[in-house]
Each structure stands twice: as structure tokens, then as C-alpha cells.
N, C-alpha and C. Protein backbone atom coordinates (compact mmCIF):
# COMPACT_ATOMS: atom_id res chain seq x y z
N SER A 1 120.02 160.68 76.98
CA SER A 1 118.73 161.16 77.44
C SER A 1 117.60 160.39 76.79
N LEU A 2 116.51 160.16 77.51
CA LEU A 2 115.34 159.47 76.98
C LEU A 2 114.27 160.46 76.53
N PHE A 3 114.57 161.78 76.61
CA PHE A 3 113.59 162.78 76.24
C PHE A 3 114.12 163.56 75.04
N GLY A 4 113.19 164.18 74.28
CA GLY A 4 113.59 164.93 73.10
C GLY A 4 113.64 164.05 71.87
N SER A 5 114.01 164.67 70.75
CA SER A 5 114.02 163.94 69.47
C SER A 5 115.20 163.00 69.35
N HIS A 6 116.26 163.27 70.11
CA HIS A 6 117.46 162.41 70.10
C HIS A 6 117.52 161.66 71.43
N LYS A 7 117.39 160.37 71.35
CA LYS A 7 117.41 159.54 72.57
C LYS A 7 118.66 158.67 72.56
N ALA A 8 119.29 158.55 73.70
CA ALA A 8 120.48 157.71 73.84
C ALA A 8 120.44 157.01 75.20
N PHE A 9 120.84 155.76 75.21
CA PHE A 9 120.89 155.03 76.47
C PHE A 9 121.87 153.88 76.36
N SER A 10 122.34 153.42 77.51
CA SER A 10 123.25 152.28 77.58
C SER A 10 122.52 151.11 78.23
N PHE A 11 123.04 149.91 77.98
CA PHE A 11 122.40 148.73 78.57
C PHE A 11 123.46 147.68 78.89
N THR A 12 123.17 146.88 79.90
CA THR A 12 124.03 145.77 80.31
C THR A 12 123.12 144.63 80.77
N ALA A 13 123.48 143.40 80.35
CA ALA A 13 122.68 142.25 80.77
C ALA A 13 123.59 141.04 80.90
N ASN A 14 123.31 140.23 81.90
CA ASN A 14 123.95 138.93 82.03
C ASN A 14 123.08 137.90 81.32
N ALA A 15 123.67 137.15 80.39
CA ALA A 15 122.88 136.20 79.60
C ALA A 15 123.77 135.08 79.11
N TYR A 16 123.20 133.86 79.08
CA TYR A 16 123.89 132.70 78.50
C TYR A 16 125.29 132.51 79.10
N ALA A 17 125.41 132.71 80.40
CA ALA A 17 126.66 132.56 81.15
C ALA A 17 127.69 133.63 80.82
N GLY A 18 127.29 134.65 80.07
CA GLY A 18 128.19 135.74 79.71
C GLY A 18 127.55 137.09 79.93
N GLU A 19 128.05 138.09 79.19
CA GLU A 19 127.56 139.46 79.38
C GLU A 19 127.32 140.11 78.03
N ILE A 20 126.24 140.89 77.95
CA ILE A 20 125.92 141.69 76.78
C ILE A 20 125.81 143.14 77.24
N LYS A 21 126.55 144.04 76.60
CA LYS A 21 126.44 145.44 76.95
C LYS A 21 126.59 146.30 75.70
N GLY A 22 126.07 147.51 75.76
CA GLY A 22 126.16 148.37 74.60
C GLY A 22 125.47 149.69 74.81
N LYS A 23 125.28 150.40 73.71
CA LYS A 23 124.60 151.69 73.74
C LYS A 23 123.76 151.84 72.49
N ALA A 24 122.70 152.63 72.60
CA ALA A 24 121.78 152.84 71.49
C ALA A 24 121.46 154.32 71.35
N GLU A 25 121.28 154.76 70.10
CA GLU A 25 120.88 156.13 69.81
C GLU A 25 119.74 156.10 68.80
N ILE A 26 118.74 156.94 69.05
CA ILE A 26 117.58 157.02 68.16
C ILE A 26 117.33 158.49 67.84
N GLU A 27 117.25 158.81 66.54
CA GLU A 27 116.96 160.16 66.08
C GLU A 27 115.60 160.16 65.40
N GLN A 28 114.61 160.73 66.04
CA GLN A 28 113.26 160.71 65.49
C GLN A 28 113.00 161.83 64.50
N ASN A 29 113.77 162.92 64.57
CA ASN A 29 113.52 164.06 63.69
C ASN A 29 114.22 163.95 62.35
N SER A 30 115.05 162.91 62.17
CA SER A 30 115.69 162.69 60.87
C SER A 30 114.62 162.40 59.83
N PRO A 31 114.79 162.89 58.57
CA PRO A 31 113.79 162.65 57.53
C PRO A 31 113.47 161.18 57.31
N VAL A 32 114.44 160.31 57.52
CA VAL A 32 114.21 158.87 57.31
C VAL A 32 114.23 158.09 58.62
N GLY A 33 114.41 158.80 59.74
CA GLY A 33 114.52 158.09 61.01
C GLY A 33 115.88 157.39 61.08
N ARG A 34 116.40 157.21 62.25
CA ARG A 34 117.72 156.61 62.36
C ARG A 34 117.88 155.95 63.72
N MET A 35 118.42 154.74 63.71
CA MET A 35 118.72 154.03 64.95
C MET A 35 120.11 153.41 64.83
N VAL A 36 120.90 153.56 65.87
CA VAL A 36 122.25 152.97 65.92
C VAL A 36 122.38 152.22 67.23
N ILE A 37 122.79 150.95 67.15
CA ILE A 37 123.01 150.15 68.36
C ILE A 37 124.37 149.46 68.25
N ASP A 38 125.24 149.73 69.19
CA ASP A 38 126.56 149.08 69.25
C ASP A 38 126.57 148.15 70.46
N THR A 39 126.92 146.89 70.22
CA THR A 39 126.82 145.87 71.26
C THR A 39 128.13 145.10 71.38
N THR A 40 128.52 144.79 72.61
CA THR A 40 129.68 143.95 72.89
C THR A 40 129.21 142.68 73.56
N LEU A 41 129.68 141.55 73.06
CA LEU A 41 129.35 140.24 73.62
C LEU A 41 130.58 139.66 74.29
N ALA A 42 130.41 139.07 75.45
CA ALA A 42 131.55 138.51 76.18
C ALA A 42 131.15 137.20 76.85
N GLY A 43 131.76 136.10 76.39
CA GLY A 43 131.63 134.82 77.08
C GLY A 43 130.27 134.17 77.01
N LEU A 44 129.51 134.39 75.94
CA LEU A 44 128.19 133.77 75.82
C LEU A 44 128.33 132.30 75.41
N GLN A 45 127.67 131.41 76.10
CA GLN A 45 127.68 129.98 75.77
C GLN A 45 126.61 129.74 74.70
N VAL A 46 127.06 129.41 73.47
CA VAL A 46 126.12 129.35 72.36
C VAL A 46 125.18 128.15 72.43
N LYS A 47 125.52 127.13 73.20
CA LYS A 47 124.60 125.98 73.31
C LYS A 47 123.31 126.39 74.00
N ASP A 48 123.34 127.52 74.72
CA ASP A 48 122.15 128.00 75.43
C ASP A 48 121.37 129.05 74.63
N VAL A 49 121.90 129.44 73.46
CA VAL A 49 121.25 130.47 72.65
C VAL A 49 120.28 129.78 71.68
N GLU A 50 118.99 129.89 71.97
CA GLU A 50 117.99 129.16 71.19
C GLU A 50 118.02 129.54 69.72
N ALA A 51 118.26 130.82 69.41
CA ALA A 51 118.24 131.27 68.01
C ALA A 51 119.32 130.59 67.19
N ILE A 52 120.48 130.34 67.79
CA ILE A 52 121.57 129.67 67.07
C ILE A 52 121.26 128.20 66.89
N GLN A 53 120.79 127.55 67.94
CA GLN A 53 120.48 126.13 67.86
C GLN A 53 119.33 125.86 66.89
N ALA A 54 118.40 126.82 66.78
CA ALA A 54 117.22 126.62 65.94
C ALA A 54 117.55 126.59 64.46
N VAL A 55 118.63 127.27 64.04
CA VAL A 55 118.95 127.34 62.61
C VAL A 55 120.01 126.32 62.20
N SER A 56 120.44 125.49 63.14
CA SER A 56 121.46 124.49 62.83
C SER A 56 120.94 123.09 63.12
N GLU A 57 121.26 122.17 62.23
CA GLU A 57 120.90 120.77 62.45
C GLU A 57 121.90 120.07 63.37
N HIS A 58 122.98 120.76 63.69
CA HIS A 58 124.04 120.18 64.51
C HIS A 58 124.07 120.87 65.88
N GLY A 59 124.45 120.12 66.91
CA GLY A 59 124.60 120.71 68.22
C GLY A 59 125.91 121.50 68.28
N ILE A 60 125.84 122.76 68.69
CA ILE A 60 127.02 123.63 68.72
C ILE A 60 127.21 124.16 70.13
N SER A 61 128.43 124.05 70.63
CA SER A 61 128.76 124.65 71.93
C SER A 61 130.06 125.42 71.79
N GLY A 62 130.27 126.37 72.69
CA GLY A 62 131.46 127.21 72.63
C GLY A 62 131.13 128.57 73.22
N PHE A 63 132.15 129.40 73.38
CA PHE A 63 131.99 130.71 74.01
C PHE A 63 132.15 131.80 72.96
N LEU A 64 131.14 132.67 72.90
CA LEU A 64 131.07 133.71 71.88
C LEU A 64 131.48 135.06 72.45
N ASP A 65 132.41 135.73 71.74
CA ASP A 65 132.82 137.09 72.05
C ASP A 65 132.78 137.91 70.77
N GLY A 66 132.70 139.23 70.91
CA GLY A 66 132.76 140.06 69.72
C GLY A 66 131.94 141.32 69.83
N THR A 67 131.78 141.97 68.68
CA THR A 67 131.01 143.22 68.62
C THR A 67 130.01 143.16 67.48
N LEU A 68 128.88 143.83 67.69
CA LEU A 68 127.84 143.98 66.68
C LEU A 68 127.51 145.46 66.55
N ALA A 69 127.40 145.92 65.30
CA ALA A 69 127.04 147.31 65.04
C ALA A 69 125.83 147.34 64.12
N TYR A 70 124.71 147.85 64.63
CA TYR A 70 123.45 147.86 63.88
C TYR A 70 123.06 149.30 63.56
N GLN A 71 122.67 149.54 62.29
CA GLN A 71 122.15 150.83 61.88
C GLN A 71 120.91 150.62 61.04
N SER A 72 119.91 151.46 61.24
CA SER A 72 118.70 151.34 60.45
C SER A 72 118.08 152.70 60.21
N ASN A 73 117.39 152.82 59.08
CA ASN A 73 116.54 153.96 58.80
C ASN A 73 115.36 153.45 57.97
N ALA A 74 114.57 154.34 57.43
CA ALA A 74 113.38 153.92 56.70
C ALA A 74 113.70 153.13 55.44
N ARG A 75 114.93 153.27 54.92
CA ARG A 75 115.29 152.66 53.65
C ARG A 75 116.18 151.43 53.79
N ASN A 76 116.92 151.33 54.88
CA ASN A 76 117.98 150.32 54.91
C ASN A 76 118.25 149.87 56.34
N GLN A 77 118.67 148.60 56.46
CA GLN A 77 119.12 148.05 57.74
C GLN A 77 120.45 147.34 57.52
N THR A 78 121.43 147.63 58.37
CA THR A 78 122.75 147.01 58.26
C THR A 78 123.22 146.54 59.63
N LEU A 79 123.76 145.34 59.65
CA LEU A 79 124.34 144.78 60.87
C LEU A 79 125.73 144.25 60.54
N LYS A 80 126.74 144.77 61.23
CA LYS A 80 128.12 144.32 61.03
C LYS A 80 128.59 143.61 62.29
N GLY A 81 129.25 142.47 62.10
CA GLY A 81 129.72 141.71 63.25
C GLY A 81 131.16 141.28 63.11
N ASP A 82 131.93 141.47 64.16
CA ASP A 82 133.27 140.89 64.29
C ASP A 82 133.19 139.94 65.48
N LEU A 83 133.20 138.64 65.19
CA LEU A 83 132.88 137.65 66.21
C LEU A 83 133.96 136.59 66.33
N SER A 84 134.08 136.03 67.51
CA SER A 84 135.00 134.90 67.71
C SER A 84 134.34 133.89 68.63
N LEU A 85 134.58 132.62 68.31
CA LEU A 85 134.12 131.50 69.14
C LEU A 85 135.33 130.74 69.62
N SER A 86 135.35 130.35 70.86
CA SER A 86 136.45 129.55 71.39
C SER A 86 135.92 128.27 72.02
N ASP A 87 136.80 127.26 72.10
CA ASP A 87 136.43 125.95 72.67
C ASP A 87 135.15 125.43 72.03
N VAL A 88 135.17 125.34 70.70
CA VAL A 88 133.97 125.01 69.94
C VAL A 88 133.87 123.51 69.69
N ARG A 89 132.68 122.98 69.87
CA ARG A 89 132.39 121.59 69.51
C ARG A 89 131.11 121.57 68.69
N VAL A 90 131.18 120.87 67.55
CA VAL A 90 130.02 120.70 66.68
C VAL A 90 129.68 119.22 66.62
N ASP A 91 128.55 118.84 67.19
CA ASP A 91 128.09 117.45 67.14
C ASP A 91 127.30 117.27 65.86
N LEU A 92 127.84 116.49 64.92
CA LEU A 92 127.26 116.35 63.60
C LEU A 92 126.00 115.49 63.63
N GLU A 93 125.00 115.90 62.86
CA GLU A 93 123.78 115.12 62.78
C GLU A 93 124.07 113.75 62.16
N PHE A 94 124.95 113.74 61.14
CA PHE A 94 125.39 112.49 60.52
C PHE A 94 126.92 112.50 60.49
N PRO A 95 127.57 111.37 60.76
CA PRO A 95 129.04 111.34 60.74
C PRO A 95 129.60 111.77 59.39
N LEU A 96 130.73 112.46 59.42
CA LEU A 96 131.42 112.93 58.23
C LEU A 96 132.84 112.38 58.26
N PHE A 97 133.17 111.53 57.29
CA PHE A 97 134.50 110.89 57.26
C PHE A 97 134.83 110.25 58.61
N ASN A 98 133.86 109.50 59.12
CA ASN A 98 133.99 108.76 60.38
C ASN A 98 134.12 109.68 61.60
N GLN A 99 133.79 110.94 61.44
CA GLN A 99 133.83 111.87 62.56
C GLN A 99 132.40 112.18 63.00
N SER A 100 132.09 111.92 64.27
CA SER A 100 130.76 112.24 64.78
C SER A 100 130.68 113.66 65.32
N TYR A 101 131.84 114.27 65.52
CA TYR A 101 131.88 115.66 65.97
C TYR A 101 133.17 116.30 65.48
N LEU A 102 133.19 117.62 65.47
CA LEU A 102 134.38 118.39 65.13
C LEU A 102 134.65 119.37 66.26
N GLU A 103 135.94 119.57 66.56
CA GLU A 103 136.33 120.51 67.61
C GLU A 103 137.23 121.58 67.01
N PHE A 104 136.99 122.84 67.42
CA PHE A 104 137.78 123.96 66.94
C PHE A 104 138.28 124.77 68.14
N ASN A 105 139.57 125.11 68.10
CA ASN A 105 140.12 125.96 69.15
C ASN A 105 139.54 127.36 69.06
N GLU A 106 139.38 127.82 67.80
CA GLU A 106 138.88 129.18 67.59
C GLU A 106 138.22 129.29 66.23
N VAL A 107 137.15 130.07 66.19
CA VAL A 107 136.48 130.44 64.95
C VAL A 107 136.35 131.96 64.96
N ARG A 108 136.87 132.61 63.92
CA ARG A 108 136.77 134.07 63.83
C ARG A 108 136.03 134.43 62.56
N ALA A 109 135.12 135.39 62.65
CA ALA A 109 134.30 135.74 61.48
C ALA A 109 134.03 137.23 61.44
N ARG A 110 134.03 137.76 60.21
CA ARG A 110 133.59 139.13 59.97
C ARG A 110 132.41 139.06 59.02
N LEU A 111 131.25 139.54 59.49
CA LEU A 111 130.00 139.38 58.75
C LEU A 111 129.34 140.74 58.55
N VAL A 112 128.63 140.87 57.41
CA VAL A 112 127.85 142.08 57.15
C VAL A 112 126.47 141.64 56.65
N LEU A 113 125.41 142.07 57.35
CA LEU A 113 124.04 141.80 56.93
C LEU A 113 123.43 143.11 56.45
N ASN A 114 123.12 143.18 55.15
CA ASN A 114 122.51 144.36 54.56
C ASN A 114 121.12 143.98 54.09
N ASN A 115 120.10 144.39 54.86
CA ASN A 115 118.74 143.92 54.64
C ASN A 115 118.73 142.40 54.69
N TYR A 116 118.48 141.72 53.57
CA TYR A 116 118.41 140.25 53.59
C TYR A 116 119.66 139.59 53.02
N ASN A 117 120.69 140.36 52.71
CA ASN A 117 121.90 139.78 52.13
C ASN A 117 123.00 139.70 53.18
N LEU A 118 123.39 138.47 53.54
CA LEU A 118 124.46 138.24 54.52
C LEU A 118 125.76 137.95 53.77
N THR A 119 126.76 138.82 53.96
CA THR A 119 128.07 138.63 53.35
C THR A 119 129.05 138.15 54.41
N ILE A 120 129.71 137.03 54.12
CA ILE A 120 130.77 136.52 55.00
C ILE A 120 132.08 137.01 54.41
N GLU A 121 132.59 138.12 54.95
CA GLU A 121 133.81 138.70 54.40
C GLU A 121 135.02 137.82 54.71
N ASN A 122 135.01 137.24 55.89
CA ASN A 122 136.12 136.37 56.27
C ASN A 122 135.69 135.51 57.43
N CYS A 123 135.91 134.22 57.32
CA CYS A 123 135.63 133.31 58.43
C CYS A 123 136.73 132.26 58.45
N ARG A 124 137.42 132.16 59.55
CA ARG A 124 138.54 131.24 59.68
C ARG A 124 138.30 130.31 60.86
N LEU A 125 138.40 129.00 60.60
CA LEU A 125 138.20 128.00 61.64
C LEU A 125 139.51 127.24 61.85
N GLU A 126 139.97 127.18 63.08
CA GLU A 126 141.20 126.47 63.43
C GLU A 126 140.85 125.36 64.39
N GLY A 127 141.00 124.10 63.90
CA GLY A 127 140.51 123.00 64.70
C GLY A 127 141.48 121.87 64.90
N LYS A 128 141.03 120.87 65.66
CA LYS A 128 141.86 119.71 65.95
C LYS A 128 141.86 118.73 64.79
N GLN A 129 140.70 118.58 64.12
CA GLN A 129 140.64 117.66 62.98
C GLN A 129 140.93 118.35 61.66
N LEU A 130 140.61 119.65 61.58
CA LEU A 130 140.81 120.37 60.32
C LEU A 130 140.81 121.87 60.57
N ASP A 131 141.40 122.59 59.61
CA ASP A 131 141.28 124.04 59.52
C ASP A 131 140.43 124.33 58.29
N ALA A 132 139.76 125.48 58.29
CA ALA A 132 138.93 125.83 57.15
C ALA A 132 138.75 127.33 57.08
N SER A 133 138.43 127.82 55.89
CA SER A 133 138.05 129.21 55.72
C SER A 133 136.80 129.26 54.85
N VAL A 134 135.95 130.23 55.12
CA VAL A 134 134.67 130.36 54.41
C VAL A 134 134.50 131.81 53.98
N SER A 135 134.04 132.02 52.75
CA SER A 135 133.70 133.35 52.28
C SER A 135 132.53 133.24 51.32
N GLY A 136 131.86 134.36 51.08
CA GLY A 136 130.74 134.34 50.15
C GLY A 136 129.53 135.03 50.74
N SER A 137 128.35 134.61 50.30
CA SER A 137 127.13 135.29 50.73
C SER A 137 125.96 134.31 50.85
N ILE A 138 124.98 134.73 51.63
CA ILE A 138 123.72 134.00 51.77
C ILE A 138 122.59 135.02 51.62
N MET A 139 121.75 134.83 50.60
CA MET A 139 120.59 135.69 50.44
C MET A 139 119.46 135.11 51.29
N LEU A 140 119.19 135.78 52.39
CA LEU A 140 118.25 135.25 53.36
C LEU A 140 116.80 135.44 52.92
N ASN A 141 115.95 134.61 53.49
CA ASN A 141 114.52 134.65 53.24
C ASN A 141 113.84 134.74 54.60
N ARG A 142 112.60 135.18 54.63
CA ARG A 142 111.88 135.20 55.91
C ARG A 142 111.82 133.80 56.51
N ASP A 143 111.78 132.81 55.63
CA ASP A 143 111.93 131.41 56.04
C ASP A 143 113.41 131.07 55.90
N PHE A 144 114.12 130.96 57.03
CA PHE A 144 115.58 130.81 56.98
C PHE A 144 116.01 129.60 56.15
N SER A 145 115.19 128.56 56.12
CA SER A 145 115.55 127.34 55.40
C SER A 145 115.64 127.55 53.90
N ARG A 146 115.11 128.68 53.39
CA ARG A 146 115.12 128.93 51.95
C ARG A 146 116.19 129.93 51.55
N GLY A 147 117.13 130.21 52.43
CA GLY A 147 118.22 131.12 52.08
C GLY A 147 119.06 130.56 50.94
N VAL A 148 119.47 131.44 50.01
CA VAL A 148 120.23 131.02 48.83
C VAL A 148 121.72 131.14 49.11
N LEU A 149 122.46 130.04 48.91
CA LEU A 149 123.87 129.96 49.27
C LEU A 149 124.78 130.26 48.08
N ASN A 150 125.83 131.02 48.34
CA ASN A 150 126.88 131.26 47.35
C ASN A 150 128.20 131.36 48.13
N LEU A 151 128.72 130.19 48.51
CA LEU A 151 129.87 130.13 49.41
C LEU A 151 131.04 129.39 48.80
N GLU A 152 132.23 129.79 49.21
CA GLU A 152 133.47 129.09 48.86
C GLU A 152 134.14 128.66 50.16
N VAL A 153 134.48 127.38 50.25
CA VAL A 153 135.09 126.83 51.46
C VAL A 153 136.41 126.17 51.10
N ILE A 154 137.45 126.46 51.87
CA ILE A 154 138.75 125.79 51.73
C ILE A 154 138.98 124.97 52.99
N VAL A 155 139.17 123.66 52.82
CA VAL A 155 139.31 122.73 53.94
C VAL A 155 140.71 122.14 53.95
N SER A 156 141.35 122.19 55.11
CA SER A 156 142.68 121.60 55.28
C SER A 156 142.63 120.60 56.43
N PRO A 157 142.42 119.30 56.15
CA PRO A 157 142.34 118.30 57.22
C PRO A 157 143.71 118.04 57.83
N ASN A 158 143.73 117.58 59.10
CA ASN A 158 144.99 117.14 59.67
C ASN A 158 145.36 115.79 59.03
N HIS A 159 146.53 115.25 59.33
CA HIS A 159 147.04 114.09 58.59
C HIS A 159 146.18 112.85 58.80
N LEU A 160 145.58 112.70 60.00
CA LEU A 160 144.74 111.53 60.24
C LEU A 160 143.44 111.61 59.45
N LEU A 161 142.80 112.76 59.50
CA LEU A 161 141.56 112.94 58.76
C LEU A 161 141.83 112.95 57.26
N LEU A 162 142.99 113.49 56.88
CA LEU A 162 143.34 113.54 55.46
C LEU A 162 143.40 112.14 54.85
N ALA A 163 143.95 111.17 55.61
CA ALA A 163 144.03 109.80 55.11
C ALA A 163 142.64 109.24 54.85
N THR A 164 141.69 109.55 55.73
CA THR A 164 140.31 109.08 55.54
C THR A 164 139.67 109.76 54.34
N VAL A 165 139.91 111.06 54.19
CA VAL A 165 139.33 111.81 53.06
C VAL A 165 139.88 111.27 51.75
N LYS A 166 141.16 110.95 51.71
CA LYS A 166 141.77 110.45 50.47
C LYS A 166 141.14 109.13 50.05
N LYS A 167 140.80 108.30 51.03
CA LYS A 167 140.15 107.02 50.71
C LYS A 167 138.73 107.23 50.21
N SER A 168 138.04 108.19 50.81
CA SER A 168 136.65 108.44 50.45
C SER A 168 136.52 109.25 49.17
N LEU A 169 137.46 110.19 48.96
CA LEU A 169 137.40 111.08 47.80
C LEU A 169 138.74 111.10 47.07
N PRO A 170 139.15 109.97 46.51
CA PRO A 170 140.47 109.92 45.87
C PRO A 170 140.61 110.89 44.70
N PHE A 171 139.51 111.25 44.06
CA PHE A 171 139.57 112.12 42.90
C PHE A 171 139.88 113.58 43.27
N VAL A 172 139.85 113.89 44.57
CA VAL A 172 140.16 115.26 45.00
C VAL A 172 141.65 115.54 44.89
N PHE A 173 142.49 114.48 45.02
CA PHE A 173 143.92 114.66 45.12
C PHE A 173 144.63 114.12 43.89
N PRO A 174 145.76 114.70 43.52
CA PRO A 174 146.51 114.21 42.36
C PRO A 174 147.06 112.81 42.61
N LYS A 175 147.29 112.09 41.50
CA LYS A 175 147.78 110.71 41.62
C LYS A 175 149.14 110.63 42.28
N SER A 176 149.89 111.71 42.22
CA SER A 176 151.21 111.71 42.83
C SER A 176 151.14 111.57 44.34
N GLY A 177 149.94 111.82 44.87
CA GLY A 177 149.78 111.72 46.32
C GLY A 177 150.12 112.99 47.04
N LYS A 178 150.60 114.01 46.32
CA LYS A 178 150.94 115.28 46.95
C LYS A 178 149.67 116.10 47.17
N THR A 179 149.60 116.74 48.30
CA THR A 179 148.42 117.53 48.65
C THR A 179 148.81 118.99 48.82
N ASP A 180 148.05 119.87 48.22
CA ASP A 180 148.26 121.30 48.38
C ASP A 180 148.12 121.66 49.86
N ASP A 181 149.11 122.37 50.39
CA ASP A 181 149.07 122.74 51.80
C ASP A 181 147.84 123.58 52.13
N LYS A 182 147.26 124.23 51.10
CA LYS A 182 146.10 125.06 51.33
C LYS A 182 144.82 124.25 51.40
N GLY A 183 144.89 122.94 51.18
CA GLY A 183 143.72 122.09 51.26
C GLY A 183 142.96 122.03 49.95
N PHE A 184 141.72 121.62 50.01
CA PHE A 184 140.90 121.54 48.80
C PHE A 184 139.70 122.47 48.92
N LYS A 185 139.20 122.90 47.77
CA LYS A 185 138.14 123.91 47.73
C LYS A 185 136.80 123.28 47.42
N ILE A 186 135.77 123.81 48.06
CA ILE A 186 134.41 123.33 47.86
C ILE A 186 133.50 124.52 47.58
N LYS A 187 132.69 124.41 46.54
CA LYS A 187 131.63 125.38 46.29
C LYS A 187 130.36 124.90 46.97
N VAL A 188 129.65 125.81 47.60
CA VAL A 188 128.37 125.47 48.23
C VAL A 188 127.29 126.36 47.60
N ARG A 189 126.33 125.72 46.97
CA ARG A 189 125.23 126.43 46.32
C ARG A 189 123.91 125.86 46.85
N GLY A 190 122.82 126.15 46.20
CA GLY A 190 121.53 125.65 46.66
C GLY A 190 120.96 126.53 47.75
N THR A 191 120.20 125.92 48.65
CA THR A 191 119.56 126.64 49.74
C THR A 191 120.00 126.07 51.08
N THR A 192 119.71 126.79 52.15
CA THR A 192 120.17 126.35 53.47
C THR A 192 119.57 125.02 53.88
N ASP A 193 118.38 124.70 53.39
CA ASP A 193 117.79 123.40 53.73
C ASP A 193 118.17 122.31 52.74
N ALA A 194 118.74 122.67 51.59
CA ALA A 194 119.16 121.68 50.60
C ALA A 194 120.43 122.15 49.90
N PRO A 195 121.55 122.24 50.63
CA PRO A 195 122.80 122.73 50.02
C PRO A 195 123.34 121.77 48.99
N GLU A 196 124.02 122.32 47.98
CA GLU A 196 124.65 121.52 46.93
C GLU A 196 126.15 121.78 46.97
N PHE A 197 126.93 120.69 47.02
CA PHE A 197 128.38 120.79 47.15
C PHE A 197 129.07 120.34 45.87
N SER A 198 130.10 121.06 45.48
CA SER A 198 130.91 120.64 44.34
C SER A 198 132.36 121.02 44.61
N LEU A 199 133.28 120.19 44.11
CA LEU A 199 134.70 120.44 44.29
C LEU A 199 135.21 121.31 43.14
N LYS A 200 136.00 122.33 43.51
CA LYS A 200 136.55 123.22 42.49
C LYS A 200 137.75 122.59 41.80
């Protein structure tokens, strides 16, 4: 109902070659006010989503599916997301290990945004050139470029990319030439506009 102190409504929209649908509830008589919005995303083409392209220096394409759960009151705002991307291509601004782009069959992520603190509980990337996992947090700022990074990344290149990485970063791997099947770990610190990388 749209009348009274408790309002509830559903919504559906076609957008970015996919569909967005969900439901919202608003309680105005609560002492702190309360809003709940549950959203389902299906088949959104991320290359057409301006907000995603605006925060990345790389061109990203792929199809986004998943759910978003938003809750807010006078004291707190929380957004939880279980998301997946398929048929992903990332066109790199600068080549990385002779790669001008990266392709991933699937990217799955579980994210929690609590006010300005974004926690990446789990993010797994399965790709043609490499697999990777990401966890940690980003303390966001009103200026997105000043977000503070505290991330751990594990990268597992395929055998062709691994040979290139070994030549470029021989100190990452033991002299025996054996490589941990789990890949190598990278710490990411600094800010979103000036990240700092170090090998664990």
C-alpha cells in the first residue's frame, strides 16, 4: 500500500539489456525511520552502466546477475550484494605482462557496504589467462578516488601467462622453479586513485 505509515510497493524495469525488479518497504512511524529495498538484477550489460564505467580506468563488459538488499534508518545504512558477472572482458588501460585485456568466464562476489565501509567478503574470478580471489575492505570517501584500500589478492596465472610473469617477476617464485598451486599473494594498500602493491 502507498497510504498509511507503512508503505510497500514492487517495481520492475528493463535496463542495460537486462531486467531490474524488486520490492520496497518504508516505515515512517518507526522512531528512527526505516527503509528496506530488495532488488534482483538479471542480465545487465555492465558496459552500458555509466556508474561502473565512471569508477574504472579500464573498459569492462559482461552480464551482471544477482541480488541487492538495502536497509536504512536515521543511524545506519547497509547494502548487501551477492553478484555474478559472466562473459567478462576487461580492456586494460596499460598492458599487464603483455596482456592488453583479460577475459573471465565468471566473477562471483559477496559484498557488504556499511555506511562508507565496503567489505569484500569473497570475490572469485575464473578466467582464461588467470584465476584470482580478492578479500578485504575499502573505506570509501565522497570522492571515490580517495577511498582507502586494504585488500588481499591471490593470483593464479595459466601456464602461458605464468611464464611471462616468471620472467618479469623472478623474485616471486622459488629458485627451484616450483610454483604454489594457489598462486602468489599481493597486498593492495593506498587509495583507489594511487594504489600501492606489495608481494606477501
